[in-house]
Amino acid sequence: MLLYKDIQARGVKSVLEEAEFESAYALAFFDMDTLQLTFARNFERPLWVCHHKTRRVMYWASRPEFLICAAGIHDLTISEPCYFETNNIYTISIDDIEGHGKTTFTKEPFIRKASTRKSNTKYAQNWNGISWGDNDSHFANDPIPFDQ
């Protein structure tokens, strides 16, 4: 909760650039004042998004398979899942979510300050930026960045 209060007070870019935490994160939050959805992630957590093809609805999850499975269970027609790249803040007004065609986000890069803590590579050794190396998905081998 403190992270979101800090983001509200100082802005998401400032908080993520100055963050001293080494935790994995994939953030998604809605600003009720600006009516904007914001997404950001680091290299340790994936974040995929798709939209309904006929309604103005977005879906997001940590794995593309989750989106495809949920769509199949609920008989939804969705776009191809795409991932958010690391070290970028993606923002969209809810009024700009398209039910057809391509939904366009504002993409703002951020640069994290150098860490003073020693990295624990034990957990990141199998990470390829998309998955933990299980290769059980064709998406892990052929990712589609959201902004292409």
C-alpha atoms as a PDB file:
ATOM      1  CA  MET A   1       0.000   0.000   0.000  1.00  0.00           C
ATOM      2  CA  LEU A   2       2.859   2.378   0.743  1.00  0.00           C
ATOM      3  CA  LEU A   3       4.158   1.974  -2.804  1.00  0.00           C
ATOM      4  CA  TYR A   4       0.868   3.207  -4.256  1.00  0.00           C
ATOM      5  CA  LYS A   5       0.730   6.131  -1.812  1.00  0.00           C
ATOM      6  CA  ASP A   6       4.254   7.074  -2.839  1.00  0.00           C
ATOM      7  CA  ILE A   7       3.287   6.837  -6.524  1.00  0.00           C
ATOM      8  CA  GLN A   8       0.256   9.036  -5.895  1.00  0.00           C
ATOM      9  CA  ALA A   9       2.372  11.640  -4.114  1.00  0.00           C
ATOM     10  CA  ARG A  10       5.479  11.694  -6.356  1.00  0.00           C
ATOM     11  CA  GLY A  11       4.468  10.032  -9.620  1.00  0.00           C
ATOM     12  CA  VAL A  12       5.206   6.564 -10.935  1.00  0.00           C
ATOM     13  CA  LYS A  13       8.356   7.505 -12.869  1.00  0.00           C
ATOM     14  CA  SER A  14      10.041   9.149  -9.872  1.00  0.00           C
ATOM     15  CA  VAL A  15       9.194   6.247  -7.598  1.00  0.00           C
ATOM     16  CA  LEU A  16      10.425   3.562 -10.006  1.00  0.00           C
ATOM     17  CA  GLU A  17      13.611   5.423 -10.910  1.00  0.00           C
ATOM     18  CA  GLU A  18      14.510   6.066  -7.285  1.00  0.00           C
ATOM     19  CA  ALA A  19      13.328   2.757  -5.870  1.00  0.00           C
ATOM     20  CA  GLU A  20      15.798   0.888  -3.720  1.00  0.00           C
ATOM     21  CA  PHE A  21      13.742  -2.261  -3.599  1.00  0.00           C
ATOM     22  CA  GLU A  22      15.108  -5.338  -5.330  1.00  0.00           C
ATOM     23  CA  SER A  23      11.796  -7.148  -5.425  1.00  0.00           C
ATOM     24  CA  ALA A  24      10.148  -8.437  -8.539  1.00  0.00           C
ATOM     25  CA  TYR A  25       7.159  -6.390  -9.624  1.00  0.00           C
ATOM     26  CA  ALA A  26       4.507  -6.005 -12.271  1.00  0.00           C
ATOM     27  CA  LEU A  27       2.296  -3.034 -11.467  1.00  0.00           C
ATOM     28  CA  ALA A  28      -1.151  -2.247 -12.781  1.00  0.00           C
ATOM     29  CA  PHE A  29      -3.220   0.531 -11.278  1.00  0.00           C
ATOM     30  CA  PHE A  30      -6.071   2.846 -12.101  1.00  0.00           C
ATOM     31  CA  ASP A  31      -5.994   6.570 -11.306  1.00  0.00           C
ATOM     32  CA  MET A  32      -9.545   7.657 -10.547  1.00  0.00           C
ATOM     33  CA  ASP A  33      -8.678  11.350 -10.967  1.00  0.00           C
ATOM     34  CA  THR A  34      -7.251  11.054 -14.499  1.00  0.00           C
ATOM     35  CA  LEU A  35      -9.181   7.910 -15.508  1.00  0.00           C
ATOM     36  CA  GLN A  36      -5.935   6.297 -16.654  1.00  0.00           C
ATOM     37  CA  LEU A  37      -4.612   2.765 -16.406  1.00  0.00           C
ATOM     38  CA  THR A  38      -0.882   2.508 -15.792  1.00  0.00           C
ATOM     39  CA  PHE A  39       1.352  -0.548 -16.164  1.00  0.00           C
ATOM     40  CA  ALA A  40       5.038  -1.118 -15.383  1.00  0.00           C
ATOM     41  CA  ARG A  41       7.223  -4.148 -14.751  1.00  0.00           C
ATOM     42  CA  ASN A  42      10.794  -5.147 -14.089  1.00  0.00           C
ATOM     43  CA  PHE A  43      12.732  -7.998 -15.666  1.00  0.00           C
ATOM     44  CA  GLU A  44      11.676 -10.473 -12.994  1.00  0.00           C
ATOM     45  CA  ARG A  45       7.937 -10.279 -13.661  1.00  0.00           C
ATOM     46  CA  PRO A  46       6.171 -10.639 -16.990  1.00  0.00           C
ATOM     47  CA  LEU A  47       3.049  -8.687 -17.846  1.00  0.00           C
ATOM     48  CA  TRP A  48       0.878  -9.476 -20.861  1.00  0.00           C
ATOM     49  CA  VAL A  49      -2.147  -7.631 -22.182  1.00  0.00           C
ATOM     50  CA  CYS A  50      -4.853  -8.112 -24.777  1.00  0.00           C
ATOM     51  CA  HIS A  51      -8.199  -6.540 -25.522  1.00  0.00           C
ATOM     52  CA  HIS A  52     -11.640  -7.779 -26.442  1.00  0.00           C
ATOM     53  CA  LYS A  53     -12.088  -7.505 -30.199  1.00  0.00           C
ATOM     54  CA  THR A  54     -15.584  -6.016 -30.146  1.00  0.00           C
ATOM     55  CA  ARG A  55     -15.914  -4.415 -26.703  1.00  0.00           C
ATOM     56  CA  ARG A  56     -13.828  -1.728 -25.009  1.00  0.00           C
ATOM     57  CA  VAL A  57     -12.333  -4.115 -22.462  1.00  0.00           C
ATOM     58  CA  MET A  58      -8.719  -4.949 -21.632  1.00  0.00           C
ATOM     59  CA  TYR A  59      -7.332  -8.012 -19.902  1.00  0.00           C
ATOM     60  CA  TRP A  60      -3.887  -8.521 -18.384  1.00  0.00           C
ATOM     61  CA  ALA A  61      -2.053 -11.366 -16.708  1.00  0.00           C
ATOM     62  CA  SER A  62       1.412 -12.672 -15.946  1.00  0.00           C
ATOM     63  CA  ARG A  63       1.226 -15.320 -18.671  1.00  0.00           C
ATOM     64  CA  PRO A  64      -0.360 -15.197 -22.144  1.00  0.00           C
ATOM     65  CA  GLU A  65      -1.749 -18.678 -21.576  1.00  0.00           C
ATOM     66  CA  PHE A  66      -3.868 -17.316 -18.722  1.00  0.00           C
ATOM     67  CA  LEU A  67      -5.457 -14.781 -21.064  1.00  0.00           C
ATOM     68  CA  ILE A  68      -6.093 -17.361 -23.771  1.00  0.00           C
ATOM     69  CA  CYS A  69      -7.507 -19.871 -21.288  1.00  0.00           C
ATOM     70  CA  ALA A  70      -9.823 -17.305 -19.656  1.00  0.00           C
ATOM     71  CA  ALA A  71     -11.025 -16.170 -23.070  1.00  0.00           C
ATOM     72  CA  GLY A  72     -11.735 -19.766 -24.071  1.00  0.00           C
ATOM     73  CA  ILE A  73     -13.613 -20.562 -20.874  1.00  0.00           C
ATOM     74  CA  HIS A  74     -15.774 -17.436 -21.168  1.00  0.00           C
ATOM     75  CA  ASP A  75     -16.139 -17.531 -24.971  1.00  0.00           C
ATOM     76  CA  LEU A  76     -14.409 -14.161 -25.482  1.00  0.00           C
ATOM     77  CA  THR A  77     -12.854 -12.968 -28.721  1.00  0.00           C
ATOM     78  CA  ILE A  78      -9.541 -11.371 -27.814  1.00  0.00           C
ATOM     79  CA  SER A  79      -6.549  -9.916 -29.629  1.00  0.00           C
ATOM     80  CA  GLU A  80      -3.209 -11.695 -29.665  1.00  0.00           C
ATOM     81  CA  PRO A  81      -1.619 -11.254 -26.200  1.00  0.00           C
ATOM     82  CA  CYS A  82       1.347  -8.887 -26.198  1.00  0.00           C
ATOM     83  CA  TYR A  83       3.825  -8.131 -23.460  1.00  0.00           C
ATOM     84  CA  PHE A  84       4.904  -4.914 -21.829  1.00  0.00           C
ATOM     85  CA  GLU A  85       8.652  -4.338 -22.055  1.00  0.00           C
ATOM     86  CA  THR A  86      10.708  -3.765 -18.918  1.00  0.00           C
ATOM     87  CA  ASN A  87      11.653  -0.328 -17.636  1.00  0.00           C
ATOM     88  CA  ASN A  88       8.791   1.411 -19.384  1.00  0.00           C
ATOM     89  CA  ILE A  89       5.632   2.957 -18.009  1.00  0.00           C
ATOM     90  CA  TYR A  90       2.578   2.340 -20.178  1.00  0.00           C
ATOM     91  CA  THR A  91      -0.437   4.589 -19.685  1.00  0.00           C
ATOM     92  CA  ILE A  92      -3.819   4.720 -21.362  1.00  0.00           C
ATOM     93  CA  SER A  93      -6.999   6.633 -20.708  1.00  0.00           C
ATOM     94  CA  ILE A  94      -9.969   4.325 -20.339  1.00  0.00           C
ATOM     95  CA  ASP A  95     -11.669   6.408 -23.050  1.00  0.00           C
ATOM     96  CA  ASP A  96      -8.920   5.338 -25.496  1.00  0.00           C
ATOM     97  CA  ILE A  97      -9.377   1.592 -25.087  1.00  0.00           C
ATOM     98  CA  GLU A  98     -10.493   0.320 -28.475  1.00  0.00           C
ATOM     99  CA  GLY A  99     -12.801  -2.608 -29.032  1.00  0.00           C
ATOM    100  CA  HIS A 100     -11.380  -3.135 -32.479  1.00  0.00           C
ATOM    101  CA  GLY A 101      -8.087  -2.302 -34.100  1.00  0.00           C
ATOM    102  CA  LYS A 102      -5.070  -1.470 -31.996  1.00  0.00           C
ATOM    103  CA  THR A 103      -5.150   0.073 -28.551  1.00  0.00           C
ATOM    104  CA  THR A 104      -2.360   2.638 -28.228  1.00  0.00           C
ATOM    105  CA  PHE A 105      -0.530   3.310 -24.992  1.00  0.00           C
ATOM    106  CA  THR A 106       1.690   6.195 -24.048  1.00  0.00           C
ATOM    107  CA  LYS A 107       5.094   4.642 -23.398  1.00  0.00           C
ATOM    108  CA  GLU A 108       7.585   6.418 -21.131  1.00  0.00           C
ATOM    109  CA  PRO A 109      10.965   4.821 -20.384  1.00  0.00           C
ATOM    110  CA  PHE A 110      12.536   5.081 -16.960  1.00  0.00           C
ATOM    111  CA  ILE A 111      16.031   4.300 -15.735  1.00  0.00           C
ATOM    112  CA  ARG A 112      16.485   2.767 -12.317  1.00  0.00           C
ATOM    113  CA  LYS A 113      19.339   4.039 -10.232  1.00  0.00           C
ATOM    114  CA  ALA A 114      22.193   1.631  -9.626  1.00  0.00           C
ATOM    115  CA  SER A 115      21.560  -0.797  -6.831  1.00  0.00           C
ATOM    116  CA  THR A 116      23.747  -0.776  -3.753  1.00  0.00           C
ATOM    117  CA  ARG A 117      22.701  -4.309  -2.863  1.00  0.00           C
ATOM    118  CA  LYS A 118      24.390  -7.432  -4.113  1.00  0.00           C
ATOM    119  CA  SER A 119      22.216  -9.175  -6.683  1.00  0.00           C
ATOM    120  CA  ASN A 120      20.992 -12.665  -5.997  1.00  0.00           C
ATOM    121  CA  THR A 121      21.359 -14.306  -9.398  1.00  0.00           C
ATOM    122  CA  LYS A 122      20.073 -17.642  -8.093  1.00  0.00           C
ATOM    123  CA  TYR A 123      16.511 -16.611  -8.927  1.00  0.00           C
ATOM    124  CA  ALA A 124      17.248 -14.835 -12.195  1.00  0.00           C
ATOM    125  CA  GLN A 125      19.550 -17.406 -13.778  1.00  0.00           C
ATOM    126  CA  ASN A 126      16.784 -19.001 -15.865  1.00  0.00           C
ATOM    127  CA  TRP A 127      14.982 -15.742 -16.653  1.00  0.00           C
ATOM    128  CA  ASN A 128      15.044 -14.745 -20.323  1.00  0.00           C
ATOM    129  CA  GLY A 129      12.913 -11.626 -19.937  1.00  0.00           C
ATOM    130  CA  ILE A 130       9.689 -13.408 -20.840  1.00  0.00           C
ATOM    131  CA  SER A 131       9.580 -16.650 -18.878  1.00  0.00           C
ATOM    132  CA  TRP A 132      11.537 -18.626 -16.319  1.00  0.00           C
ATOM    133  CA  GLY A 133      12.956 -20.902 -19.000  1.00  0.00           C
ATOM    134  CA  ASP A 134      10.276 -23.573 -18.890  1.00  0.00           C
ATOM    135  CA  ASN A 135       9.644 -23.058 -22.622  1.00  0.00           C
ATOM    136  CA  ASP A 136       6.226 -24.641 -22.318  1.00  0.00           C
ATOM    137  CA  SER A 137       4.767 -21.874 -24.430  1.00  0.00           C
ATOM    138  CA  HIS A 138       5.374 -20.718 -27.975  1.00  0.00           C
ATOM    139  CA  PHE A 139       4.966 -17.169 -26.628  1.00  0.00           C
ATOM    140  CA  ALA A 140       8.183 -17.502 -24.642  1.00  0.00           C
ATOM    141  CA  ASN A 141      10.071 -18.161 -27.880  1.00  0.00           C
ATOM    142  CA  ASP A 142       8.372 -15.581 -30.073  1.00  0.00           C
ATOM    143  CA  PRO A 143       7.184 -12.640 -27.950  1.00  0.00           C
ATOM    144  CA  ILE A 144       5.298  -9.712 -29.411  1.00  0.00           C
ATOM    145  CA  PRO A 145       6.044  -6.362 -27.756  1.00  0.00           C
ATOM    146  CA  PHE A 146       2.865  -4.379 -27.186  1.00  0.00           C
ATOM    147  CA  ASP A 147       3.988  -1.340 -29.111  1.00  0.00           C
ATOM    148  CA  GLN A 148       4.673  -3.080 -32.433  1.00  0.00           C
END
